[in-house]
Amino acid sequence: MKTPHLKITTHRMRLLGVCTAVAALSACGVLQPKSSTPPSYYALEYARPSAPTTTPRAPLANAPTLIISPVRAASGFDSQRIIYVREPHKLEYFSHSEWIDAPARMLGPLMVASIEQTGAFRAVVMTPASAGGDLRLDTEIVRLQHDFQTKPSTVQFTLRAYLVDEKTRKVVAWRTFDNQAAASSDDPRAGVVAANRAVQSVLEELSQFLIQRAQ
């Protein structure tokens, strides 16, 4: 027969074993990374205009060559994070929605595609490239943000452009393009759709601006 003292000791040992196991499981839970919602990635895309006046045409033999510098972005707008505004002068970012790349890097190829459609230039080349050119286009994204201060909310896109004569290094012309597009709802996906519309409008205005200067 077991003594009462031995029964109590055995019971305590069992309790100690259970507590140790629970502590080990808790520690594993702390060390394991917490599950989080994976981010959704969005892109800026070029949509070819459907208007008959924008039908691509062959460039003239004496048309200038345009070199497009890498697009720059103002502070705060140079990352993949999608920016929104709820109050003046305060930039905020969506937690689980991002651009697939920084807007400045996405905008360069879209710019080339849009300008090539005009036929105003013999060639449109992105730098870095070994080809020389007659004119150079320098651009900067001033802002690209989803503004919730309006109803409906809008996406604001502002681009500053400088056209430079490559031979003289002088600015031939410059202009700031600004466009706003209403979002269908107050969420990142609707904001991206509106952003693409705003960017498309600015690219069309930029192309027309360059046509006039090329002539």
N, C-alpha and C. Protein backbone atom coordinates (compact mmCIF):
# COMPACT_ATOMS: atom_id res chain seq x y z
N MET A 1 0.85 -1.20 0.00
CA MET A 1 0.00 0.00 0.00
C MET A 1 0.88 1.25 0.00
N LYS A 2 0.46 2.22 -0.87
CA LYS A 2 1.21 3.47 -0.93
C LYS A 2 0.88 4.35 0.25
N THR A 3 1.85 5.02 0.70
CA THR A 3 1.64 5.93 1.83
C THR A 3 1.01 7.22 1.33
N PRO A 4 0.28 7.98 2.19
CA PRO A 4 -0.33 9.26 1.78
C PRO A 4 0.70 10.24 1.26
N HIS A 5 1.93 10.22 1.84
CA HIS A 5 2.97 11.14 1.39
C HIS A 5 3.38 10.85 -0.04
N LEU A 6 3.47 9.57 -0.41
CA LEU A 6 3.84 9.18 -1.75
C LEU A 6 2.77 9.57 -2.76
N LYS A 7 1.48 9.45 -2.37
CA LYS A 7 0.38 9.84 -3.26
C LYS A 7 0.44 11.34 -3.57
N ILE A 8 0.72 12.14 -2.52
CA ILE A 8 0.77 13.59 -2.72
C ILE A 8 1.94 13.95 -3.63
N THR A 9 3.09 13.30 -3.45
CA THR A 9 4.27 13.59 -4.27
C THR A 9 4.01 13.24 -5.73
N THR A 10 3.38 12.09 -5.96
CA THR A 10 3.07 11.67 -7.32
C THR A 10 2.11 12.65 -7.99
N HIS A 11 1.12 13.09 -7.24
CA HIS A 11 0.14 14.06 -7.77
C HIS A 11 0.82 15.37 -8.16
N ARG A 12 1.76 15.81 -7.30
CA ARG A 12 2.47 17.06 -7.58
C ARG A 12 3.33 16.92 -8.84
N MET A 13 3.96 15.76 -9.00
CA MET A 13 4.80 15.54 -10.17
C MET A 13 3.97 15.58 -11.45
N ARG A 14 2.78 15.01 -11.41
CA ARG A 14 1.89 15.04 -12.58
C ARG A 14 1.49 16.47 -12.92
N LEU A 15 1.15 17.23 -11.87
CA LEU A 15 0.77 18.63 -12.10
C LEU A 15 1.94 19.41 -12.70
N LEU A 16 3.16 19.14 -12.20
CA LEU A 16 4.34 19.82 -12.71
C LEU A 16 4.58 19.49 -14.18
N GLY A 17 4.34 18.23 -14.55
CA GLY A 17 4.51 17.83 -15.93
C GLY A 17 3.52 18.52 -16.85
N VAL A 18 2.26 18.62 -16.40
CA VAL A 18 1.22 19.30 -17.18
C VAL A 18 1.57 20.77 -17.36
N CYS A 19 2.01 21.41 -16.27
CA CYS A 19 2.36 22.83 -16.34
C CYS A 19 3.53 23.07 -17.28
N THR A 20 4.51 22.17 -17.23
CA THR A 20 5.67 22.30 -18.11
C THR A 20 5.26 22.19 -19.57
N ALA A 21 4.37 21.25 -19.88
CA ALA A 21 3.90 21.08 -21.26
C ALA A 21 3.15 22.31 -21.74
N VAL A 22 2.29 22.86 -20.88
CA VAL A 22 1.53 24.06 -21.25
C VAL A 22 2.47 25.23 -21.50
N ALA A 23 3.48 25.38 -20.66
CA ALA A 23 4.45 26.47 -20.82
C ALA A 23 5.21 26.33 -22.12
N ALA A 24 5.57 25.08 -22.47
CA ALA A 24 6.30 24.85 -23.72
C ALA A 24 5.46 25.22 -24.92
N LEU A 25 4.17 24.85 -24.90
CA LEU A 25 3.28 25.20 -26.01
C LEU A 25 3.10 26.71 -26.12
N SER A 26 3.02 27.38 -24.98
CA SER A 26 2.86 28.84 -25.00
C SER A 26 4.09 29.51 -25.59
N ALA A 27 5.27 28.98 -25.23
CA ALA A 27 6.51 29.55 -25.77
C ALA A 27 6.58 29.37 -27.27
N CYS A 28 6.15 28.21 -27.77
CA CYS A 28 6.15 27.98 -29.22
C CYS A 28 5.22 28.97 -29.92
N GLY A 29 4.09 29.26 -29.27
CA GLY A 29 3.14 30.20 -29.86
C GLY A 29 3.73 31.59 -29.97
N VAL A 30 4.55 31.97 -28.99
CA VAL A 30 5.17 33.29 -29.01
C VAL A 30 6.24 33.37 -30.08
N LEU A 31 7.01 32.26 -30.24
CA LEU A 31 8.11 32.27 -31.19
C LEU A 31 7.65 32.20 -32.63
N GLN A 32 6.51 31.56 -32.90
CA GLN A 32 6.02 31.45 -34.26
C GLN A 32 5.49 32.79 -34.77
N PRO A 33 5.76 33.14 -36.04
CA PRO A 33 5.26 34.42 -36.58
C PRO A 33 3.74 34.43 -36.65
N LYS A 34 3.17 35.56 -36.34
CA LYS A 34 1.73 35.69 -36.40
C LYS A 34 1.27 35.73 -37.85
N SER A 35 0.18 35.04 -38.11
CA SER A 35 -0.36 35.05 -39.47
C SER A 35 -0.92 36.42 -39.79
N SER A 36 -0.67 36.92 -41.00
CA SER A 36 -1.17 38.23 -41.41
C SER A 36 -1.71 38.15 -42.82
N THR A 37 -2.56 39.09 -43.14
CA THR A 37 -3.16 39.12 -44.47
C THR A 37 -2.10 39.55 -45.50
N PRO A 38 -1.86 38.74 -46.53
CA PRO A 38 -0.87 39.13 -47.54
C PRO A 38 -1.34 40.37 -48.29
N PRO A 39 -0.41 41.25 -48.68
CA PRO A 39 -0.82 42.48 -49.37
C PRO A 39 -1.31 42.19 -50.78
N SER A 40 -2.17 43.06 -51.28
CA SER A 40 -2.61 43.02 -52.68
C SER A 40 -1.76 44.00 -53.46
N TYR A 41 -1.32 43.58 -54.66
CA TYR A 41 -0.44 44.42 -55.46
C TYR A 41 -1.18 44.92 -56.70
N TYR A 42 -0.97 46.22 -57.02
CA TYR A 42 -1.65 46.85 -58.14
C TYR A 42 -0.64 47.52 -59.06
N ALA A 43 -1.04 47.72 -60.32
CA ALA A 43 -0.15 48.29 -61.31
C ALA A 43 -0.79 49.47 -62.02
N LEU A 44 0.06 50.38 -62.50
CA LEU A 44 -0.37 51.41 -63.43
C LEU A 44 -0.21 50.84 -64.83
N GLU A 45 -1.21 51.01 -65.67
CA GLU A 45 -1.18 50.43 -67.00
C GLU A 45 -1.56 51.46 -68.05
N TYR A 46 -1.04 51.25 -69.26
CA TYR A 46 -1.35 52.16 -70.36
C TYR A 46 -2.49 51.59 -71.19
N ALA A 47 -3.51 52.40 -71.40
CA ALA A 47 -4.64 52.02 -72.26
C ALA A 47 -4.59 52.87 -73.50
N ARG A 48 -4.45 52.23 -74.65
CA ARG A 48 -4.36 52.98 -75.91
C ARG A 48 -5.65 53.75 -76.17
N PRO A 49 -5.57 55.06 -76.42
CA PRO A 49 -6.78 55.86 -76.69
C PRO A 49 -7.53 55.31 -77.89
N SER A 50 -8.85 55.37 -77.80
CA SER A 50 -9.69 54.85 -78.88
C SER A 50 -10.11 55.93 -79.87
N ALA A 51 -9.82 57.20 -79.57
CA ALA A 51 -10.24 58.29 -80.44
C ALA A 51 -9.51 58.22 -81.78
N PRO A 52 -10.19 58.45 -82.89
CA PRO A 52 -9.56 58.39 -84.22
C PRO A 52 -8.39 59.34 -84.38
N THR A 53 -8.43 60.48 -83.68
CA THR A 53 -7.36 61.47 -83.82
C THR A 53 -6.04 60.98 -83.25
N THR A 54 -6.07 59.92 -82.43
CA THR A 54 -4.85 59.44 -81.81
C THR A 54 -4.33 58.17 -82.50
N THR A 55 -4.83 57.87 -83.70
CA THR A 55 -4.36 56.70 -84.44
C THR A 55 -2.87 56.84 -84.72
N PRO A 56 -2.05 55.82 -84.45
CA PRO A 56 -0.61 55.92 -84.67
C PRO A 56 -0.28 56.25 -86.12
N ARG A 57 0.72 57.09 -86.31
CA ARG A 57 1.16 57.41 -87.66
C ARG A 57 2.68 57.32 -87.73
N ALA A 58 3.20 57.07 -88.92
CA ALA A 58 4.64 56.93 -89.09
C ALA A 58 5.32 58.27 -88.88
N PRO A 59 6.43 58.31 -88.14
CA PRO A 59 7.13 59.58 -87.92
C PRO A 59 7.79 60.09 -89.20
N LEU A 60 7.92 61.40 -89.31
CA LEU A 60 8.59 62.01 -90.45
C LEU A 60 10.09 61.72 -90.39
N ALA A 61 10.73 61.76 -91.56
CA ALA A 61 12.16 61.44 -91.63
C ALA A 61 13.00 62.44 -90.83
N ASN A 62 12.53 63.70 -90.80
CA ASN A 62 13.30 64.73 -90.09
C ASN A 62 12.80 64.97 -88.68
N ALA A 63 11.95 64.07 -88.18
CA ALA A 63 11.42 64.22 -86.81
C ALA A 63 12.55 64.04 -85.80
N PRO A 64 12.49 64.75 -84.68
CA PRO A 64 13.55 64.63 -83.67
C PRO A 64 13.45 63.32 -82.89
N THR A 65 14.55 62.96 -82.26
CA THR A 65 14.57 61.81 -81.36
C THR A 65 14.42 62.31 -79.93
N LEU A 66 13.55 61.65 -79.18
CA LEU A 66 13.26 62.07 -77.81
C LEU A 66 13.86 61.07 -76.82
N ILE A 67 14.66 61.58 -75.90
CA ILE A 67 15.22 60.76 -74.83
C ILE A 67 14.41 61.03 -73.56
N ILE A 68 13.95 59.97 -72.92
CA ILE A 68 13.16 60.12 -71.70
C ILE A 68 14.00 59.72 -70.50
N SER A 69 14.25 60.66 -69.61
CA SER A 69 15.01 60.39 -68.40
C SER A 69 14.18 59.57 -67.42
N PRO A 70 14.81 58.83 -66.51
CA PRO A 70 14.05 58.14 -65.47
C PRO A 70 13.17 59.11 -64.69
N VAL A 71 11.94 58.72 -64.48
CA VAL A 71 10.99 59.59 -63.79
C VAL A 71 11.38 59.70 -62.31
N ARG A 72 11.36 60.92 -61.81
CA ARG A 72 11.62 61.13 -60.39
C ARG A 72 10.29 61.29 -59.66
N ALA A 73 10.36 61.29 -58.33
CA ALA A 73 9.16 61.46 -57.52
C ALA A 73 9.49 62.32 -56.31
N ALA A 74 8.55 63.16 -55.93
CA ALA A 74 8.74 64.00 -54.74
C ALA A 74 8.80 63.12 -53.50
N SER A 75 9.37 63.67 -52.44
CA SER A 75 9.49 62.93 -51.18
C SER A 75 8.12 62.44 -50.72
N GLY A 76 8.08 61.17 -50.33
CA GLY A 76 6.83 60.57 -49.87
C GLY A 76 6.11 59.81 -50.95
N PHE A 77 6.43 60.12 -52.22
CA PHE A 77 5.75 59.47 -53.34
C PHE A 77 6.72 58.58 -54.12
N ASP A 78 7.85 58.24 -53.51
CA ASP A 78 8.89 57.49 -54.21
C ASP A 78 9.00 56.04 -53.75
N SER A 79 7.90 55.48 -53.23
CA SER A 79 7.91 54.08 -52.79
C SER A 79 6.72 53.35 -53.37
N GLN A 80 6.61 52.05 -53.05
CA GLN A 80 5.50 51.24 -53.55
C GLN A 80 4.22 51.44 -52.74
N ARG A 81 4.27 52.15 -51.68
CA ARG A 81 3.10 52.30 -50.80
C ARG A 81 2.05 53.19 -51.45
N ILE A 82 0.80 52.79 -51.33
CA ILE A 82 -0.31 53.57 -51.89
C ILE A 82 -0.75 54.60 -50.87
N ILE A 83 -0.72 55.85 -51.27
CA ILE A 83 -0.95 56.96 -50.34
C ILE A 83 -2.40 57.41 -50.38
N TYR A 84 -2.93 57.73 -49.20
CA TYR A 84 -4.24 58.38 -49.12
C TYR A 84 -4.18 59.54 -48.13
N VAL A 85 -5.15 60.42 -48.25
CA VAL A 85 -5.19 61.64 -47.42
C VAL A 85 -6.57 61.77 -46.80
N ARG A 86 -6.60 61.97 -45.49
CA ARG A 86 -7.86 62.22 -44.79
C ARG A 86 -7.93 63.62 -44.19
N GLU A 87 -6.77 64.25 -44.06
CA GLU A 87 -6.71 65.62 -43.56
C GLU A 87 -5.53 66.31 -44.22
N PRO A 88 -5.59 67.65 -44.31
CA PRO A 88 -4.54 68.38 -45.03
C PRO A 88 -3.14 68.10 -44.51
N HIS A 89 -2.19 67.96 -45.45
CA HIS A 89 -0.76 67.85 -45.15
C HIS A 89 -0.37 66.56 -44.44
N LYS A 90 -1.27 65.59 -44.35
CA LYS A 90 -0.94 64.32 -43.67
C LYS A 90 -1.09 63.16 -44.64
N LEU A 91 0.02 62.51 -44.96
CA LEU A 91 0.01 61.37 -45.88
C LEU A 91 -0.07 60.07 -45.07
N GLU A 92 -0.98 59.19 -45.46
CA GLU A 92 -1.11 57.89 -44.82
C GLU A 92 -1.03 56.79 -45.88
N TYR A 93 -0.82 55.56 -45.43
CA TYR A 93 -0.60 54.45 -46.35
C TYR A 93 -1.54 53.29 -46.03
N PHE A 94 -2.04 52.64 -47.08
CA PHE A 94 -2.85 51.45 -46.89
C PHE A 94 -1.97 50.32 -46.35
N SER A 95 -2.51 49.53 -45.42
CA SER A 95 -1.73 48.49 -44.76
C SER A 95 -1.50 47.27 -45.65
N HIS A 96 -2.52 46.87 -46.39
CA HIS A 96 -2.45 45.61 -47.13
C HIS A 96 -2.59 45.79 -48.64
N SER A 97 -2.32 47.00 -49.12
CA SER A 97 -2.40 47.26 -50.56
C SER A 97 -1.17 48.08 -50.97
N GLU A 98 -0.48 47.63 -52.02
CA GLU A 98 0.72 48.31 -52.48
C GLU A 98 0.76 48.32 -54.01
N TRP A 99 1.57 49.24 -54.55
CA TRP A 99 1.88 49.19 -55.98
C TRP A 99 2.86 48.05 -56.21
N ILE A 100 2.80 47.46 -57.39
CA ILE A 100 3.72 46.37 -57.71
C ILE A 100 5.15 46.87 -57.84
N ASP A 101 5.29 48.16 -58.10
CA ASP A 101 6.59 48.84 -58.15
C ASP A 101 6.34 50.30 -57.84
N ALA A 102 7.39 51.04 -57.58
CA ALA A 102 7.22 52.48 -57.33
C ALA A 102 6.58 53.13 -58.56
N PRO A 103 5.58 54.01 -58.37
CA PRO A 103 4.91 54.64 -59.52
C PRO A 103 5.87 55.29 -60.51
N ALA A 104 6.96 55.87 -60.02
CA ALA A 104 7.92 56.52 -60.93
C ALA A 104 8.51 55.51 -61.90
N ARG A 105 8.82 54.30 -61.43
CA ARG A 105 9.39 53.29 -62.32
C ARG A 105 8.34 52.71 -63.26
N MET A 106 7.09 52.65 -62.82
CA MET A 106 6.03 52.15 -63.70
C MET A 106 5.67 53.17 -64.77
N LEU A 107 5.82 54.45 -64.47
CA LEU A 107 5.35 55.49 -65.38
C LEU A 107 6.22 55.62 -66.63
N GLY A 108 7.53 55.35 -66.52
CA GLY A 108 8.43 55.51 -67.66
C GLY A 108 7.99 54.75 -68.90
N PRO A 109 7.79 53.43 -68.83
CA PRO A 109 7.34 52.68 -70.02
C PRO A 109 5.98 53.13 -70.53
N LEU A 110 5.09 53.55 -69.64
CA LEU A 110 3.77 54.04 -70.07
C LEU A 110 3.93 55.33 -70.87
N MET A 111 4.86 56.15 -70.45
CA MET A 111 5.14 57.40 -71.13
C MET A 111 5.66 57.14 -72.55
N VAL A 112 6.57 56.18 -72.65
CA VAL A 112 7.12 55.83 -73.97
C VAL A 112 6.01 55.35 -74.89
N ALA A 113 5.15 54.46 -74.40
CA ALA A 113 4.06 53.91 -75.22
C ALA A 113 3.11 55.01 -75.68
N SER A 114 2.79 55.95 -74.80
CA SER A 114 1.86 57.02 -75.15
C SER A 114 2.46 57.97 -76.19
N ILE A 115 3.73 58.36 -75.99
CA ILE A 115 4.36 59.32 -76.89
C ILE A 115 4.63 58.71 -78.26
N GLU A 116 4.99 57.43 -78.30
CA GLU A 116 5.24 56.76 -79.57
C GLU A 116 4.01 56.77 -80.47
N GLN A 117 2.82 56.73 -79.85
CA GLN A 117 1.59 56.70 -80.62
C GLN A 117 1.38 57.98 -81.45
N THR A 118 2.01 59.08 -81.03
CA THR A 118 1.80 60.35 -81.71
C THR A 118 2.51 60.41 -83.06
N GLY A 119 3.61 59.67 -83.23
CA GLY A 119 4.38 59.74 -84.46
C GLY A 119 5.14 61.04 -84.61
N ALA A 120 5.23 61.83 -83.54
CA ALA A 120 5.89 63.13 -83.62
C ALA A 120 7.41 63.02 -83.53
N PHE A 121 7.91 61.84 -83.13
CA PHE A 121 9.35 61.68 -82.96
C PHE A 121 9.85 60.48 -83.76
N ARG A 122 11.06 60.61 -84.26
CA ARG A 122 11.66 59.52 -85.02
C ARG A 122 11.85 58.30 -84.14
N ALA A 123 12.19 58.54 -82.87
CA ALA A 123 12.34 57.47 -81.89
C ALA A 123 12.11 58.04 -80.50
N VAL A 124 11.60 57.21 -79.62
CA VAL A 124 11.40 57.58 -78.21
C VAL A 124 12.18 56.55 -77.39
N VAL A 125 13.21 57.01 -76.69
CA VAL A 125 14.14 56.10 -76.04
C VAL A 125 14.22 56.40 -74.55
N MET A 126 14.13 55.33 -73.75
CA MET A 126 14.31 55.48 -72.31
C MET A 126 15.79 55.40 -71.97
N THR A 127 16.25 56.22 -71.05
CA THR A 127 17.63 56.10 -70.55
C THR A 127 17.63 55.18 -69.33
N PRO A 128 18.75 54.52 -69.03
CA PRO A 128 20.03 54.66 -69.74
C PRO A 128 20.03 53.93 -71.08
N ALA A 129 20.54 54.59 -72.09
CA ALA A 129 20.65 54.00 -73.43
C ALA A 129 21.82 54.64 -74.14
N SER A 130 22.37 53.92 -75.07
CA SER A 130 23.55 54.42 -75.78
C SER A 130 23.17 55.41 -76.89
N ALA A 131 21.90 55.39 -77.29
CA ALA A 131 21.47 56.26 -78.39
C ALA A 131 21.45 57.73 -77.94
N GLY A 132 21.85 58.60 -78.86
CA GLY A 132 21.77 60.02 -78.61
C GLY A 132 20.41 60.55 -79.05
N GLY A 133 20.11 61.78 -78.68
CA GLY A 133 18.82 62.34 -79.03
C GLY A 133 18.89 63.83 -79.25
N ASP A 134 17.81 64.37 -79.78
CA ASP A 134 17.72 65.81 -80.01
C ASP A 134 17.10 66.54 -78.82
N LEU A 135 16.09 65.89 -78.21
CA LEU A 135 15.40 66.48 -77.08
C LEU A 135 15.39 65.48 -75.93
N ARG A 136 15.32 66.00 -74.71
CA ARG A 136 15.25 65.15 -73.52
C ARG A 136 14.06 65.57 -72.66
N LEU A 137 13.32 64.59 -72.19
CA LEU A 137 12.16 64.86 -71.34
C LEU A 137 12.48 64.45 -69.90
N ASP A 138 12.47 65.44 -69.01
CA ASP A 138 12.67 65.19 -67.57
C ASP A 138 11.32 65.37 -66.88
N THR A 139 10.93 64.41 -66.05
CA THR A 139 9.63 64.48 -65.39
C THR A 139 9.75 64.14 -63.91
N GLU A 140 8.78 64.63 -63.15
CA GLU A 140 8.73 64.36 -61.71
C GLU A 140 7.28 64.20 -61.27
N ILE A 141 6.99 63.13 -60.55
CA ILE A 141 5.67 62.95 -59.94
C ILE A 141 5.60 63.85 -58.71
N VAL A 142 4.73 64.84 -58.76
CA VAL A 142 4.56 65.76 -57.64
C VAL A 142 3.65 65.14 -56.58
N ARG A 143 2.61 64.45 -57.04
CA ARG A 143 1.73 63.73 -56.10
C ARG A 143 0.91 62.69 -56.83
N LEU A 144 0.61 61.62 -56.12
CA LEU A 144 -0.31 60.58 -56.59
C LEU A 144 -0.96 60.03 -55.32
N GLN A 145 -2.17 60.51 -55.03
CA GLN A 145 -2.79 60.19 -53.75
C GLN A 145 -4.30 60.08 -53.87
N HIS A 146 -4.86 59.22 -53.00
CA HIS A 146 -6.30 59.03 -52.91
C HIS A 146 -6.82 59.96 -51.83
N ASP A 147 -7.63 60.92 -52.21
CA ASP A 147 -8.09 61.97 -51.30
C ASP A 147 -9.49 61.64 -50.78
N PHE A 148 -9.59 61.38 -49.47
CA PHE A 148 -10.87 61.06 -48.85
C PHE A 148 -11.54 62.30 -48.25
N GLN A 149 -10.99 63.47 -48.52
CA GLN A 149 -11.59 64.71 -48.00
C GLN A 149 -12.76 65.17 -48.85
N THR A 150 -12.96 64.53 -50.00
CA THR A 150 -14.06 64.89 -50.89
C THR A 150 -15.05 63.74 -50.99
N LYS A 151 -16.25 64.04 -51.40
CA LYS A 151 -17.29 63.03 -51.61
C LYS A 151 -17.85 63.19 -53.02
N PRO A 152 -17.68 62.21 -53.93
CA PRO A 152 -16.90 60.97 -53.70
C PRO A 152 -15.40 61.27 -53.60
N SER A 153 -14.69 60.31 -53.07
CA SER A 153 -13.24 60.48 -52.96
C SER A 153 -12.62 60.53 -54.35
N THR A 154 -11.48 61.17 -54.47
CA THR A 154 -10.83 61.34 -55.78
C THR A 154 -9.35 60.96 -55.68
N VAL A 155 -8.80 60.57 -56.80
CA VAL A 155 -7.36 60.35 -56.89
C VAL A 155 -6.75 61.53 -57.63
N GLN A 156 -5.73 62.11 -57.06
CA GLN A 156 -5.08 63.29 -57.63
C GLN A 156 -3.69 62.89 -58.15
N PHE A 157 -3.44 63.25 -59.40
CA PHE A 157 -2.14 62.96 -60.00
C PHE A 157 -1.58 64.22 -60.61
N THR A 158 -0.38 64.59 -60.20
CA THR A 158 0.28 65.79 -60.69
C THR A 158 1.68 65.42 -61.19
N LEU A 159 1.97 65.82 -62.42
CA LEU A 159 3.26 65.52 -63.05
C LEU A 159 3.87 66.81 -63.60
N ARG A 160 5.14 67.05 -63.29
CA ARG A 160 5.85 68.21 -63.82
C ARG A 160 6.83 67.73 -64.89
N ALA A 161 6.82 68.41 -66.05
CA ALA A 161 7.64 67.97 -67.18
C ALA A 161 8.49 69.11 -67.71
N TYR A 162 9.74 68.79 -68.07
CA TYR A 162 10.67 69.74 -68.67
C TYR A 162 11.20 69.14 -69.97
N LEU A 163 11.13 69.91 -71.04
CA LEU A 163 11.68 69.49 -72.33
C LEU A 163 12.98 70.25 -72.55
N VAL A 164 14.07 69.50 -72.73
CA VAL A 164 15.41 70.09 -72.78
C VAL A 164 16.04 69.81 -74.14
N ASP A 165 16.67 70.85 -74.71
CA ASP A 165 17.44 70.69 -75.95
C ASP A 165 18.76 70.02 -75.58
N GLU A 166 19.02 68.84 -76.13
CA GLU A 166 20.22 68.08 -75.76
C GLU A 166 21.51 68.78 -76.19
N LYS A 167 21.46 69.58 -77.26
CA LYS A 167 22.68 70.23 -77.75
C LYS A 167 23.05 71.45 -76.90
N THR A 168 22.06 72.27 -76.59
CA THR A 168 22.32 73.49 -75.84
C THR A 168 22.13 73.32 -74.33
N ARG A 169 21.48 72.21 -73.92
CA ARG A 169 21.17 71.95 -72.50
C ARG A 169 20.23 72.99 -71.91
N LYS A 170 19.48 73.65 -72.78
CA LYS A 170 18.52 74.65 -72.31
C LYS A 170 17.11 74.06 -72.28
N VAL A 171 16.31 74.54 -71.33
CA VAL A 171 14.92 74.11 -71.23
C VAL A 171 14.12 74.77 -72.35
N VAL A 172 13.55 73.96 -73.22
CA VAL A 172 12.75 74.47 -74.33
C VAL A 172 11.36 74.86 -73.85
N ALA A 173 10.77 74.02 -73.00
CA ALA A 173 9.43 74.28 -72.48
C ALA A 173 9.22 73.44 -71.23
N TRP A 174 8.30 73.88 -70.39
CA TRP A 174 7.95 73.09 -69.23
C TRP A 174 6.50 73.32 -68.88
N ARG A 175 5.92 72.35 -68.16
CA ARG A 175 4.52 72.47 -67.79
C ARG A 175 4.20 71.50 -66.66
N THR A 176 3.24 71.87 -65.82
CA THR A 176 2.73 70.99 -64.77
C THR A 176 1.36 70.49 -65.17
N PHE A 177 1.21 69.18 -65.19
CA PHE A 177 -0.06 68.55 -65.57
C PHE A 177 -0.74 68.04 -64.30
N ASP A 178 -2.03 68.31 -64.20
CA ASP A 178 -2.77 67.91 -63.00
C ASP A 178 -4.12 67.34 -63.41
N ASN A 179 -4.46 66.19 -62.82
CA ASN A 179 -5.75 65.57 -63.14
C ASN A 179 -6.32 64.90 -61.91
N GLN A 180 -7.65 64.93 -61.80
CA GLN A 180 -8.34 64.26 -60.71
C GLN A 180 -9.39 63.32 -61.29
N ALA A 181 -9.49 62.13 -60.71
CA ALA A 181 -10.47 61.15 -61.15
C ALA A 181 -11.25 60.64 -59.94
N ALA A 182 -12.57 60.65 -60.04
CA ALA A 182 -13.41 60.20 -58.93
C ALA A 182 -13.32 58.68 -58.79
N ALA A 183 -13.29 58.21 -57.54
CA ALA A 183 -13.27 56.78 -57.25
C ALA A 183 -14.70 56.29 -57.04
N SER A 184 -14.98 55.09 -57.48
CA SER A 184 -16.34 54.54 -57.34
C SER A 184 -16.67 54.16 -55.90
N SER A 185 -15.65 53.95 -55.08
CA SER A 185 -15.85 53.65 -53.66
C SER A 185 -14.58 54.01 -52.90
N ASP A 186 -14.67 54.03 -51.58
CA ASP A 186 -13.54 54.46 -50.76
C ASP A 186 -12.70 53.26 -50.33
N ASP A 187 -12.06 52.62 -51.30
CA ASP A 187 -11.19 51.48 -50.99
C ASP A 187 -10.02 51.48 -51.96
N PRO A 188 -8.95 50.75 -51.64
CA PRO A 188 -7.74 50.79 -52.48
C PRO A 188 -7.98 50.40 -53.92
N ARG A 189 -8.77 49.35 -54.17
CA ARG A 189 -8.97 48.89 -55.54
C ARG A 189 -9.63 49.97 -56.40
N ALA A 190 -10.67 50.61 -55.87
CA ALA A 190 -11.33 51.69 -56.60
C ALA A 190 -10.37 52.86 -56.81
N GLY A 191 -9.51 53.09 -55.84
CA GLY A 191 -8.53 54.15 -55.97
C GLY A 191 -7.53 53.87 -57.08
N VAL A 192 -7.13 52.61 -57.22
CA VAL A 192 -6.19 52.23 -58.28
C VAL A 192 -6.83 52.43 -59.65
N VAL A 193 -8.10 52.05 -59.79
CA VAL A 193 -8.80 52.26 -61.06
C VAL A 193 -8.85 53.74 -61.40
N ALA A 194 -9.16 54.57 -60.40
CA ALA A 194 -9.20 56.02 -60.62
C ALA A 194 -7.80 56.56 -60.93
N ALA A 195 -6.78 56.02 -60.28
CA ALA A 195 -5.41 56.46 -60.53
C ALA A 195 -5.00 56.19 -61.98
N ASN A 196 -5.39 55.03 -62.50
CA ASN A 196 -5.07 54.71 -63.89
C ASN A 196 -5.76 55.68 -64.85
N ARG A 197 -6.98 56.08 -64.53
CA ARG A 197 -7.68 57.06 -65.38
C ARG A 197 -6.98 58.40 -65.33
N ALA A 198 -6.58 58.82 -64.14
CA ALA A 198 -5.90 60.12 -64.00
C ALA A 198 -4.56 60.11 -64.73
N VAL A 199 -3.82 59.02 -64.60
CA VAL A 199 -2.53 58.91 -65.28
C VAL A 199 -2.72 58.91 -66.79
N GLN A 200 -3.73 58.19 -67.27
CA GLN A 200 -4.00 58.13 -68.70
C GLN A 200 -4.29 59.53 -69.25
N SER A 201 -5.09 60.30 -68.54
CA SER A 201 -5.42 61.66 -68.99
C SER A 201 -4.17 62.54 -69.05
N VAL A 202 -3.33 62.43 -68.03
CA VAL A 202 -2.10 63.24 -68.00
C VAL A 202 -1.17 62.83 -69.13
N LEU A 203 -1.07 61.53 -69.42
CA LEU A 203 -0.20 61.08 -70.50
C LEU A 203 -0.68 61.61 -71.85
N GLU A 204 -1.99 61.66 -72.05
CA GLU A 204 -2.52 62.20 -73.30
C GLU A 204 -2.22 63.69 -73.41
N GLU A 205 -2.37 64.43 -72.30
CA GLU A 205 -2.05 65.86 -72.31
C GLU A 205 -0.56 66.08 -72.56
N LEU A 206 0.27 65.25 -71.94
CA LEU A 206 1.71 65.36 -72.13
C LEU A 206 2.09 65.09 -73.58
N SER A 207 1.47 64.10 -74.19
CA SER A 207 1.77 63.78 -75.59
C SER A 207 1.42 64.94 -76.51
N GLN A 208 0.26 65.57 -76.29
CA GLN A 208 -0.14 66.71 -77.10
C GLN A 208 0.82 67.89 -76.89
N PHE A 209 1.25 68.08 -75.68
CA PHE A 209 2.21 69.14 -75.35
C PHE A 209 3.51 68.93 -76.12
N LEU A 210 3.97 67.66 -76.20
CA LEU A 210 5.23 67.35 -76.89
C LEU A 210 5.09 67.47 -78.40
N ILE A 211 3.92 67.13 -78.93
CA ILE A 211 3.67 67.27 -80.36
C ILE A 211 3.86 68.72 -80.80
N GLN A 212 3.28 69.63 -80.03
CA GLN A 212 3.40 71.05 -80.37
C GLN A 212 4.84 71.52 -80.32
N ARG A 213 5.60 71.06 -79.32
CA ARG A 213 6.98 71.49 -79.18
C ARG A 213 7.87 70.85 -80.25
N ALA A 214 7.56 69.61 -80.63
CA ALA A 214 8.37 68.93 -81.66
C ALA A 214 8.23 69.59 -83.00
N GLN A 215 7.07 70.15 -83.28
CA GLN A 215 6.83 70.81 -84.56
C GLN A 215 7.52 72.17 -84.64
